[in-house]
């Protein structure tokens, strides 16, 4: 199977991408309204049509669609965690620092000629508004170079805020511009 996070991770990205996917179907003229677009997407996922299209796209670009299933694809040398230093409710993440930490690991580039390591990355383990205990894992860092993992961890340790009172998470999609 395709690699899954080590723990239950937030589904925010799925919810946000669902909005974008439905809008794309409407913009492409494949659906007149959001409810119909949702039905089309659910059908494509449940019947395997979406996966078949993904395999086709990967092959057309010269890729191996089975690569994510291989153990070599997901193996990293170092797995570390960032633990909460306080108890309370997760109030804020600094997305820029998270992205920078991922790039430091090799998941992104500073320059176009920099290589990308598809095995490395960061799992965000808690959502804004979640209750966290002191010592609870907030991030899992997956890397291949000790110095890069250490630098990424240092950034991640500074990129979140925990408050005593619960904060309500913001809407992921504020509005759709047309």
Foldseek 3Di string as FASTA:
>chain_A
DFDDDPDDADCQVVVVVLVVQLVVCCVVVNDVDSVVSNVVVVCCVVVVVVVVVVCVVQVVVVHDPCLSVDPVLQDADDKDFAFAQAWAFWAFFDVVLQVVLQVLQQCDDPDPPRHHRNRWHKGQHDDQQDTHHGGHTGMMTGHHDPVSNVVSSVSRNPGTDGDRYGDDDDRPDPDDDD
